[in-house]
C-alpha atoms as a PDB file:
ATOM      1  CA  MET A   1     105.954 101.826 113.328  1.00  0.00           C
ATOM      2  CA  THR A   2     107.044 103.887 110.592  1.00  0.00           C
ATOM      3  CA  ASP A   3     104.638 104.907 107.448  1.00  0.00           C
ATOM      4  CA  ARG A   4     105.629 102.515 104.782  1.00  0.00           C
ATOM      5  CA  GLU A   5     105.814 103.006 100.751  1.00  0.00           C
ATOM      6  CA  PRO A   6     102.651 102.298  99.325  1.00  0.00           C
ATOM      7  CA  ILE A   7     102.530  98.709  97.847  1.00  0.00           C
ATOM      8  CA  HIS A   8     102.362  98.867  93.675  1.00  0.00           C
ATOM      9  CA  TRP A   9     101.492  95.923  92.049  1.00  0.00           C
ATOM     10  CA  SER A  10     104.927  95.881  90.046  1.00  0.00           C
ATOM     11  CA  THR A  11     106.429  95.054  93.473  1.00  0.00           C
ATOM     12  CA  LEU A  12     103.941  93.052  95.125  1.00  0.00           C
ATOM     13  CA  LYS A  13     103.924  90.517  91.837  1.00  0.00           C
ATOM     14  CA  SER A  14     107.485  89.159  93.046  1.00  0.00           C
ATOM     15  CA  ILE A  15     106.377  87.720  96.301  1.00  0.00           C
ATOM     16  CA  ALA A  16     104.475  85.005  94.281  1.00  0.00           C
ATOM     17  CA  ARG A  17     107.993  83.584  93.542  1.00  0.00           C
ATOM     18  CA  SER A  18     109.161  84.121  97.122  1.00  0.00           C
ATOM     19  CA  PRO A  19     109.324  86.639 100.205  1.00  0.00           C
ATOM     20  CA  ALA A  20     113.047  86.672  99.759  1.00  0.00           C
ATOM     21  CA  HIS A  21     112.346  87.842  95.716  1.00  0.00           C
ATOM     22  CA  TYR A  22     110.022  90.519  96.620  1.00  0.00           C
ATOM     23  CA  LEU A  23     112.585  91.996  99.250  1.00  0.00           C
ATOM     24  CA  TRP A  24     114.884  92.353  96.737  1.00  0.00           C
ATOM     25  CA  ALA A  25     112.626  93.662  94.341  1.00  0.00           C
ATOM     26  CA  ALA A  26     111.504  96.862  96.731  1.00  0.00           C
ATOM     27  CA  SER A  27     114.949  97.785  98.009  1.00  0.00           C
ATOM     28  CA  HIS A  28     116.950  97.733  94.621  1.00  0.00           C
ATOM     29  CA  GLN A  29     116.303  99.679  91.257  1.00  0.00           C
ATOM     30  CA  PHE A  30     114.559  97.766  88.842  1.00  0.00           C
ATOM     31  CA  VAL A  31     116.393  97.673  85.107  1.00  0.00           C
ATOM     32  CA  ALA A  32     113.913  97.760  81.920  1.00  0.00           C
ATOM     33  CA  THR A  33     115.033  95.189  79.040  1.00  0.00           C
ATOM     34  CA  ALA A  34     114.349  96.259  75.299  1.00  0.00           C
ATOM     35  CA  SER A  35     111.394  94.874  75.060  1.00  0.00           C
ATOM     36  CA  MET A  36     110.317  96.757  78.109  1.00  0.00           C
ATOM     37  CA  ARG A  37     111.278  99.883  77.074  1.00  0.00           C
ATOM     38  CA  ILE A  38     109.743  99.636  73.794  1.00  0.00           C
ATOM     39  CA  GLY A  39     106.569  98.662  75.759  1.00  0.00           C
ATOM     40  CA  THR A  40     106.819 102.223  77.753  1.00  0.00           C
ATOM     41  CA  ALA A  41     106.989 104.055  74.333  1.00  0.00           C
ATOM     42  CA  VAL A  42     104.396 102.551  73.238  1.00  0.00           C
ATOM     43  CA  HIS A  43     101.926 103.527  76.340  1.00  0.00           C
ATOM     44  CA  SER A  44     103.452 107.173  76.152  1.00  0.00           C
ATOM     45  CA  ILE A  45     102.367 107.234  72.351  1.00  0.00           C
ATOM     46  CA  ILE A  46      98.772 106.090  73.139  1.00  0.00           C
ATOM     47  CA  LEU A  47      98.409 106.890  76.364  1.00  0.00           C
ATOM     48  CA  GLY A  48     100.547 110.164  77.379  1.00  0.00           C
ATOM     49  CA  GLU A  49     103.657 110.882  78.781  1.00  0.00           C
ATOM     50  CA  SER A  50     103.214 110.050  82.434  1.00  0.00           C
ATOM     51  CA  THR A  51     106.973 108.269  82.080  1.00  0.00           C
ATOM     52  CA  PRO A  52     109.254 110.263  80.076  1.00  0.00           C
ATOM     53  CA  VAL A  53     110.892 108.766  76.714  1.00  0.00           C
ATOM     54  CA  ARG A  54     113.676 110.284  75.128  1.00  0.00           C
ATOM     55  CA  VAL A  55     115.319 108.704  71.414  1.00  0.00           C
ATOM     56  CA  PHE A  56     119.392 108.414  71.641  1.00  0.00           C
ATOM     57  CA  ASP A  57     120.495 108.541  67.899  1.00  0.00           C
ATOM     58  CA  GLY A  58     123.731 106.764  68.351  1.00  0.00           C
ATOM     59  CA  ALA A  59     124.505 103.384  67.162  1.00  0.00           C
ATOM     60  CA  ALA A  60     124.293 101.338  70.656  1.00  0.00           C
ATOM     61  CA  ARG A  61     123.769 102.178  74.886  1.00  0.00           C
ATOM     62  CA  ARG A  62     127.798 102.494  75.335  1.00  0.00           C
ATOM     63  CA  GLY A  63     130.546 104.486  74.409  1.00  0.00           C
ATOM     64  CA  LYS A  64     131.453 108.439  74.966  1.00  0.00           C
ATOM     65  CA  GLU A  65     128.489 109.714  73.012  1.00  0.00           C
ATOM     66  CA  TRP A  66     126.121 107.183  74.747  1.00  0.00           C
ATOM     67  CA  GLN A  67     127.625 108.347  78.126  1.00  0.00           C
ATOM     68  CA  ALA A  68     127.504 111.982  77.577  1.00  0.00           C
ATOM     69  CA  PHE A  69     123.696 112.156  76.846  1.00  0.00           C
ATOM     70  CA  ALA A  70     122.328 109.895  79.564  1.00  0.00           C
ATOM     71  CA  ALA A  71     124.189 111.999  81.677  1.00  0.00           C
ATOM     72  CA  GLU A  72     122.055 114.855  80.470  1.00  0.00           C
ATOM     73  CA  ILE A  73     118.878 112.961  81.919  1.00  0.00           C
ATOM     74  CA  THR A  74     117.917 114.576  85.292  1.00  0.00           C
ATOM     75  CA  ASP A  75     114.572 112.349  85.585  1.00  0.00           C
ATOM     76  CA  ALA A  76     114.848 109.177  87.377  1.00  0.00           C
ATOM     77  CA  ARG A  77     111.806 108.272  85.359  1.00  0.00           C
ATOM     78  CA  THR A  78     112.946 108.371  82.018  1.00  0.00           C
ATOM     79  CA  THR A  79     113.019 105.807  79.826  1.00  0.00           C
ATOM     80  CA  ILE A  80     115.732 105.739  76.901  1.00  0.00           C
ATOM     81  CA  LEU A  81     115.484 104.104  73.728  1.00  0.00           C
ATOM     82  CA  LEU A  82     117.626 104.030  70.362  1.00  0.00           C
ATOM     83  CA  ARG A  83     116.174 105.002  67.305  1.00  0.00           C
ATOM     84  CA  SER A  84     115.401 101.665  65.958  1.00  0.00           C
ATOM     85  CA  GLU A  85     113.706 100.735  69.196  1.00  0.00           C
ATOM     86  CA  MET A  86     111.631 103.873  68.817  1.00  0.00           C
ATOM     87  CA  ALA A  87     110.634 103.058  65.443  1.00  0.00           C
ATOM     88  CA  ILE A  88     109.107  99.617  66.555  1.00  0.00           C
ATOM     89  CA  ALA A  89     106.980 101.064  69.217  1.00  0.00           C
ATOM     90  CA  GLU A  90     105.858 103.692  66.872  1.00  0.00           C
ATOM     91  CA  ARG A  91     104.720 100.974  64.509  1.00  0.00           C
ATOM     92  CA  MET A  92     102.889  99.034  67.324  1.00  0.00           C
ATOM     93  CA  ALA A  93     101.187 102.059  68.330  1.00  0.00           C
ATOM     94  CA  ASP A  94     100.364 102.628  64.793  1.00  0.00           C
ATOM     95  CA  ALA A  95      98.922  99.174  64.829  1.00  0.00           C
ATOM     96  CA  VAL A  96      96.708 100.198  67.975  1.00  0.00           C
ATOM     97  CA  ARG A  97      95.366 103.245  66.658  1.00  0.00           C
ATOM     98  CA  GLY A  98      94.535 101.509  63.535  1.00  0.00           C
ATOM     99  CA  CYS A  99      92.518  98.635  65.583  1.00  0.00           C
ATOM    100  CA  PRO A 100      88.529 100.398  66.693  1.00  0.00           C
ATOM    101  CA  ASP A 101      87.623  97.490  69.092  1.00  0.00           C
ATOM    102  CA  ALA A 102      91.689  98.421  70.792  1.00  0.00           C
ATOM    103  CA  MET A 103      91.096 102.367  70.412  1.00  0.00           C
ATOM    104  CA  SER A 104      87.066 101.704  72.023  1.00  0.00           C
ATOM    105  CA  ALA A 105      88.660  99.816  75.290  1.00  0.00           C
ATOM    106  CA  LEU A 106      91.319 102.720  75.779  1.00  0.00           C
ATOM    107  CA  ASN A 107      88.746 105.658  75.549  1.00  0.00           C
ATOM    108  CA  GLY A 108      88.956 106.760  79.157  1.00  0.00           C
ATOM    109  CA  ALA A 109      90.971 108.553  81.509  1.00  0.00           C
ATOM    110  CA  HIS A 110      94.602 107.584  81.166  1.00  0.00           C
ATOM    111  CA  GLU A 111      97.154 106.809  83.660  1.00  0.00           C
ATOM    112  CA  LEU A 112      95.165 107.152  86.088  1.00  0.00           C
ATOM    113  CA  GLU A 113      96.946 107.320  89.547  1.00  0.00           C
ATOM    114  CA  LEU A 114      95.073 105.962  92.246  1.00  0.00           C
ATOM    115  CA  GLU A 115      95.909 105.313  96.465  1.00  0.00           C
ATOM    116  CA  TRP A 116      93.658 103.331  98.742  1.00  0.00           C
ATOM    117  CA  SER A 117      93.831 101.110 101.926  1.00  0.00           C
ATOM    118  CA  ILE A 118      93.489  97.729 102.524  1.00  0.00           C
ATOM    119  CA  ALA A 119      93.695  96.064 105.827  1.00  0.00           C
ATOM    120  CA  GLY A 120      95.386  99.489 107.167  1.00  0.00           C
ATOM    121  CA  ARG A 121      98.212  99.141 103.987  1.00  0.00           C
ATOM    122  CA  ARG A 122      98.318 101.759 101.707  1.00  0.00           C
ATOM    123  CA  CYS A 123      98.185 100.309  98.251  1.00  0.00           C
ATOM    124  CA  ALA A 124      98.292 102.173  95.237  1.00  0.00           C
ATOM    125  CA  GLY A 125      98.477 101.833  91.472  1.00  0.00           C
ATOM    126  CA  ARG A 126      98.540 103.550  87.971  1.00  0.00           C
ATOM    127  CA  ILE A 127      95.879 102.259  85.646  1.00  0.00           C
ATOM    128  CA  ASP A 128      96.142 103.006  82.139  1.00  0.00           C
ATOM    129  CA  SER A 129      92.602 103.759  81.001  1.00  0.00           C
ATOM    130  CA  ILE A 130      89.431 103.696  82.626  1.00  0.00           C
ATOM    131  CA  SER A 131      85.828 104.727  81.867  1.00  0.00           C
ATOM    132  CA  SER A 132      82.504 103.823  83.043  1.00  0.00           C
ATOM    133  CA  ALA A 133      82.608 100.844  80.623  1.00  0.00           C
ATOM    134  CA  VAL A 134      86.208  99.399  80.914  1.00  0.00           C
ATOM    135  CA  LEU A 135      89.137  99.033  82.916  1.00  0.00           C
ATOM    136  CA  CYS A 136      91.759  98.385  80.170  1.00  0.00           C
ATOM    137  CA  ASP A 137      95.543  97.444  80.218  1.00  0.00           C
ATOM    138  CA  LEU A 138      97.781  97.857  77.508  1.00  0.00           C
ATOM    139  CA  LYS A 139     100.363  94.900  76.890  1.00  0.00           C
ATOM    140  CA  SER A 140     103.080  94.475  74.346  1.00  0.00           C
ATOM    141  CA  THR A 141     103.670  90.910  73.289  1.00  0.00           C
ATOM    142  CA  ARG A 142     105.225  88.291  71.655  1.00  0.00           C
ATOM    143  CA  ASP A 143     102.237  86.660  70.848  1.00  0.00           C
ATOM    144  CA  ALA A 144      99.186  88.140  71.206  1.00  0.00           C
ATOM    145  CA  SER A 145      97.048  85.147  69.464  1.00  0.00           C
ATOM    146  CA  PRO A 146      94.144  83.541  71.535  1.00  0.00           C
ATOM    147  CA  ALA A 147      96.168  80.237  71.193  1.00  0.00           C
ATOM    148  CA  ARG A 148      98.962  81.428  73.084  1.00  0.00           C
ATOM    149  CA  PHE A 149      98.414  84.629  74.527  1.00  0.00           C
ATOM    150  CA  PRO A 150      96.607  83.071  77.417  1.00  0.00           C
ATOM    151  CA  TRP A 151      99.481  81.436  78.714  1.00  0.00           C
ATOM    152  CA  GLN A 152     101.438  84.430  78.964  1.00  0.00           C
ATOM    153  CA  ALA A 153      98.147  86.002  80.761  1.00  0.00           C
ATOM    154  CA  ARG A 154      98.569  83.282  83.414  1.00  0.00           C
ATOM    155  CA  SER A 155     102.557  83.334  84.260  1.00  0.00           C
ATOM    156  CA  LEU A 156     102.854  86.864  84.333  1.00  0.00           C
ATOM    157  CA  GLU A 157      99.966  87.024  86.259  1.00  0.00           C
ATOM    158  CA  TYR A 158      97.915  89.783  84.250  1.00  0.00           C
ATOM    159  CA  ALA A 159      93.900  88.264  86.410  1.00  0.00           C
ATOM    160  CA  ALA A 160      95.662  89.275  89.423  1.00  0.00           C
ATOM    161  CA  GLN A 161      97.119  92.449  88.324  1.00  0.00           C
ATOM    162  CA  LEU A 162      93.800  93.402  87.074  1.00  0.00           C
ATOM    163  CA  GLY A 163      92.089  92.506  90.097  1.00  0.00           C
ATOM    164  CA  TRP A 164      94.792  94.474  92.266  1.00  0.00           C
ATOM    165  CA  TYR A 165      92.966  97.597  89.781  1.00  0.00           C
ATOM    166  CA  TYR A 166      89.838  96.610  90.204  1.00  0.00           C
ATOM    167  CA  ASP A 167      89.603  96.781  94.173  1.00  0.00           C
ATOM    168  CA  GLY A 168      91.550  99.845  93.688  1.00  0.00           C
ATOM    169  CA  VAL A 169      89.135 101.516  91.739  1.00  0.00           C
ATOM    170  CA  LEU A 170      86.263 100.349  94.334  1.00  0.00           C
ATOM    171  CA  ALA A 171      88.771 101.086  96.978  1.00  0.00           C
ATOM    172  CA  ALA A 172      89.047 104.673  96.472  1.00  0.00           C
ATOM    173  CA  GLY A 173      85.383 105.102  95.447  1.00  0.00           C
ATOM    174  CA  HIS A 174      85.023 105.117  91.838  1.00  0.00           C
ATOM    175  CA  ALA A 175      82.480 102.965  90.468  1.00  0.00           C
ATOM    176  CA  ALA A 176      83.010  99.915  89.095  1.00  0.00           C
ATOM    177  CA  PRO A 177      83.738  99.647  85.072  1.00  0.00           C
ATOM    178  CA  ASP A 178      81.231  97.161  83.602  1.00  0.00           C
ATOM    179  CA  ASN A 179      84.227  95.091  81.745  1.00  0.00           C
ATOM    180  CA  VAL A 180      87.622  94.777  82.423  1.00  0.00           C
ATOM    181  CA  SER A 181      90.119  94.190  79.019  1.00  0.00           C
ATOM    182  CA  ILE A 182      93.430  94.028  78.113  1.00  0.00           C
ATOM    183  CA  VAL A 183      94.643  95.360  74.912  1.00  0.00           C
ATOM    184  CA  ALA A 184      97.619  93.125  73.620  1.00  0.00           C
ATOM    185  CA  VAL A 185     100.140  94.268  70.630  1.00  0.00           C
ATOM    186  CA  GLU A 186     102.491  92.020  68.930  1.00  0.00           C
ATOM    187  CA  SER A 187     106.145  93.533  69.168  1.00  0.00           C
ATOM    188  CA  ALA A 188     106.918  92.119  65.643  1.00  0.00           C
ATOM    189  CA  PRO A 189     105.292  92.949  62.280  1.00  0.00           C
ATOM    190  CA  PRO A 190     102.206  92.573  61.305  1.00  0.00           C
ATOM    191  CA  HIS A 191     102.064  93.867  64.838  1.00  0.00           C
ATOM    192  CA  CYS A 192      98.417  92.108  65.717  1.00  0.00           C
ATOM    193  CA  VAL A 193      96.307  93.555  68.012  1.00  0.00           C
ATOM    194  CA  VAL A 194      93.987  91.439  70.027  1.00  0.00           C
ATOM    195  CA  VAL A 195      91.399  92.913  72.819  1.00  0.00           C
ATOM    196  CA  TYR A 196      90.729  90.505  75.545  1.00  0.00           C
ATOM    197  CA  ASP A 197      87.837  91.045  77.667  1.00  0.00           C
ATOM    198  CA  LEU A 198      88.151  88.982  81.144  1.00  0.00           C
ATOM    199  CA  SER A 199      85.382  86.647  82.241  1.00  0.00           C
ATOM    200  CA  ASP A 200      83.332  87.184  85.781  1.00  0.00           C
ATOM    201  CA  ASP A 201      85.091  83.959  87.018  1.00  0.00           C
ATOM    202  CA  LEU A 202      88.773  84.898  85.791  1.00  0.00           C
ATOM    203  CA  LEU A 203      88.111  89.174  87.476  1.00  0.00           C
ATOM    204  CA  GLU A 204      87.145  87.345  90.754  1.00  0.00           C
ATOM    205  CA  MET A 205      89.873  84.576  90.659  1.00  0.00           C
ATOM    206  CA  GLY A 206      92.501  87.591  89.833  1.00  0.00           C
ATOM    207  CA  ARG A 207      91.019  89.922  92.873  1.00  0.00           C
ATOM    208  CA  ARG A 208      91.011  86.990  95.474  1.00  0.00           C
ATOM    209  CA  ARG A 209      94.998  86.087  93.952  1.00  0.00           C
ATOM    210  CA  ALA A 210      96.044  89.807  94.462  1.00  0.00           C
ATOM    211  CA  ARG A 211      94.655  89.734  97.634  1.00  0.00           C
ATOM    212  CA  ALA A 212      96.219  86.319  98.976  1.00  0.00           C
ATOM    213  CA  LEU A 213     100.076  88.114  97.485  1.00  0.00           C
ATOM    214  CA  LEU A 214      98.813  91.246  99.647  1.00  0.00           C
ATOM    215  CA  GLU A 215      97.624  89.064 102.936  1.00  0.00           C
ATOM    216  CA  GLN A 216     101.528  87.384 102.423  1.00  0.00           C
ATOM    217  CA  LEU A 217     103.077  90.367 101.855  1.00  0.00           C
ATOM    218  CA  LEU A 218     101.557  91.801 105.380  1.00  0.00           C
ATOM    219  CA  VAL A 219     102.502  88.474 107.302  1.00  0.00           C
ATOM    220  CA  CYS A 220     106.227  88.837 106.080  1.00  0.00           C
ATOM    221  CA  GLU A 221     106.382  92.696 106.928  1.00  0.00           C
ATOM    222  CA  SER A 222     104.536  92.048 110.409  1.00  0.00           C
ATOM    223  CA  SER A 223     107.398  89.030 111.524  1.00  0.00           C
ATOM    224  CA  ASP A 224     110.050  90.747 109.281  1.00  0.00           C
ATOM    225  CA  ALA A 225     110.766  87.109 107.932  1.00  0.00           C
ATOM    226  CA  TRP A 226     111.373  86.933 103.922  1.00  0.00           C
ATOM    227  CA  PRO A 227     112.378  83.191 103.441  1.00  0.00           C
ATOM    228  CA  GLY A 228     112.880  81.968  99.513  1.00  0.00           C
ATOM    229  CA  TYR A 229     111.297  79.350  98.016  1.00  0.00           C
ATOM    230  CA  ALA A 230     111.332  76.439 100.663  1.00  0.00           C
ATOM    231  CA  GLN A 231     112.616  76.435 104.072  1.00  0.00           C
ATOM    232  CA  GLY A 232     113.749  72.506 103.840  1.00  0.00           C
ATOM    233  CA  PRO A 233     114.901  69.921 101.674  1.00  0.00           C
ATOM    234  CA  VAL A 234     111.901  69.779  98.888  1.00  0.00           C
ATOM    235  CA  ILE A 235     111.737  66.168  96.832  1.00  0.00           C
ATOM    236  CA  LEU A 236     112.621  66.077  93.328  1.00  0.00           C
ATOM    237  CA  ASP A 237     110.537  63.457  91.179  1.00  0.00           C
ATOM    238  CA  VAL A 238     109.349  62.329  87.931  1.00  0.00           C
ATOM    239  CA  MET A 239     107.950  65.723  85.765  1.00  0.00           C
ATOM    240  CA  THR A 240     105.228  65.536  83.292  1.00  0.00           C
ATOM    241  CA  HIS A 241     104.891  67.710  80.800  1.00  0.00           C
ATOM    242  CA  ASP A 242     101.205  68.044  80.065  1.00  0.00           C
ATOM    243  CA  ASP A 243     100.822  72.166  80.677  1.00  0.00           C
ATOM    244  CA  PRO A 244     101.063  73.359  77.310  1.00  0.00           C
ATOM    245  CA  GLY A 245     102.296  76.699  78.428  1.00  0.00           C
ATOM    246  CA  ALA A 246     105.258  75.392  80.041  1.00  0.00           C
ATOM    247  CA  GLU A 247     107.852  75.372  77.594  1.00  0.00           C
ATOM    248  CA  LEU A 248     106.545  78.656  76.592  1.00  0.00           C
ATOM    249  CA  ASP A 249     109.153  81.780  77.171  1.00  0.00           C
ATOM    250  CA  PHE A 250     107.244  84.969  78.269  1.00  0.00           C
ATOM    251  CA  GLY A 251     109.781  87.721  78.127  1.00  0.00           C
ATOM    252  CA  GLU A 252     107.791  90.741  77.755  1.00  0.00           C
ATOM    253  CA  GLY A 253     105.131  92.363  79.392  1.00  0.00           C
ATOM    254  CA  THR A 254     105.168  96.222  80.697  1.00  0.00           C
ATOM    255  CA  GLU A 255     105.001  97.500  84.128  1.00  0.00           C
ATOM    256  CA  THR A 256     104.709 101.417  84.155  1.00  0.00           C
ATOM    257  CA  GLU A 257     103.599 102.320  87.542  1.00  0.00           C
END
């Protein structure tokens, strides 16, 4: 069997929707939204330029001037922002730097690249910040409030992502950090910042979730079967709206792996 590329969380998370979505994500180039580009720039300012960022001074991402600028970019990893987008990123970064709790959580080795193996399968990740005290991920969000952000964290599988990184740290031979945290910064003024520490129960749940997604992927790879949502008819029944997060739109979040 040919050696496969390492599994990254940014792709693995797609299998939570369906194996067909994973296969598509793994075989097609990712296209970042404006909010994701801004989030990447915040990462670059706070954590260092592991992902190159360039600023385009034109008014829009179109026209001959834009085409000429984009053609000069030779590094495919480069994120290109409009000047207005970069200004937002700089204000968000200033808000993070102005929060002592956030900077304490992010006081470690930045953008640490790790590779490890689970069940003989190569895995990889890039951790925003890690020290003996904290494994921390920096997230941009529309709403960092304790009333709303937990729903975004659940919807976007943040606990599983951090569980993936935590297990990667252990598998790569590093000591377990004391805490696992998220620094959430809002993308709109006044750019409030909140530090969220994962409970032991949530971290363990995230680790189990990440491992379950990996096991599902290994089954799909071994069988070369990549089904969509269902393989037969599904009953459509009465729905309830008990979930307070059911109608929330979580369009933000940044992956920099």
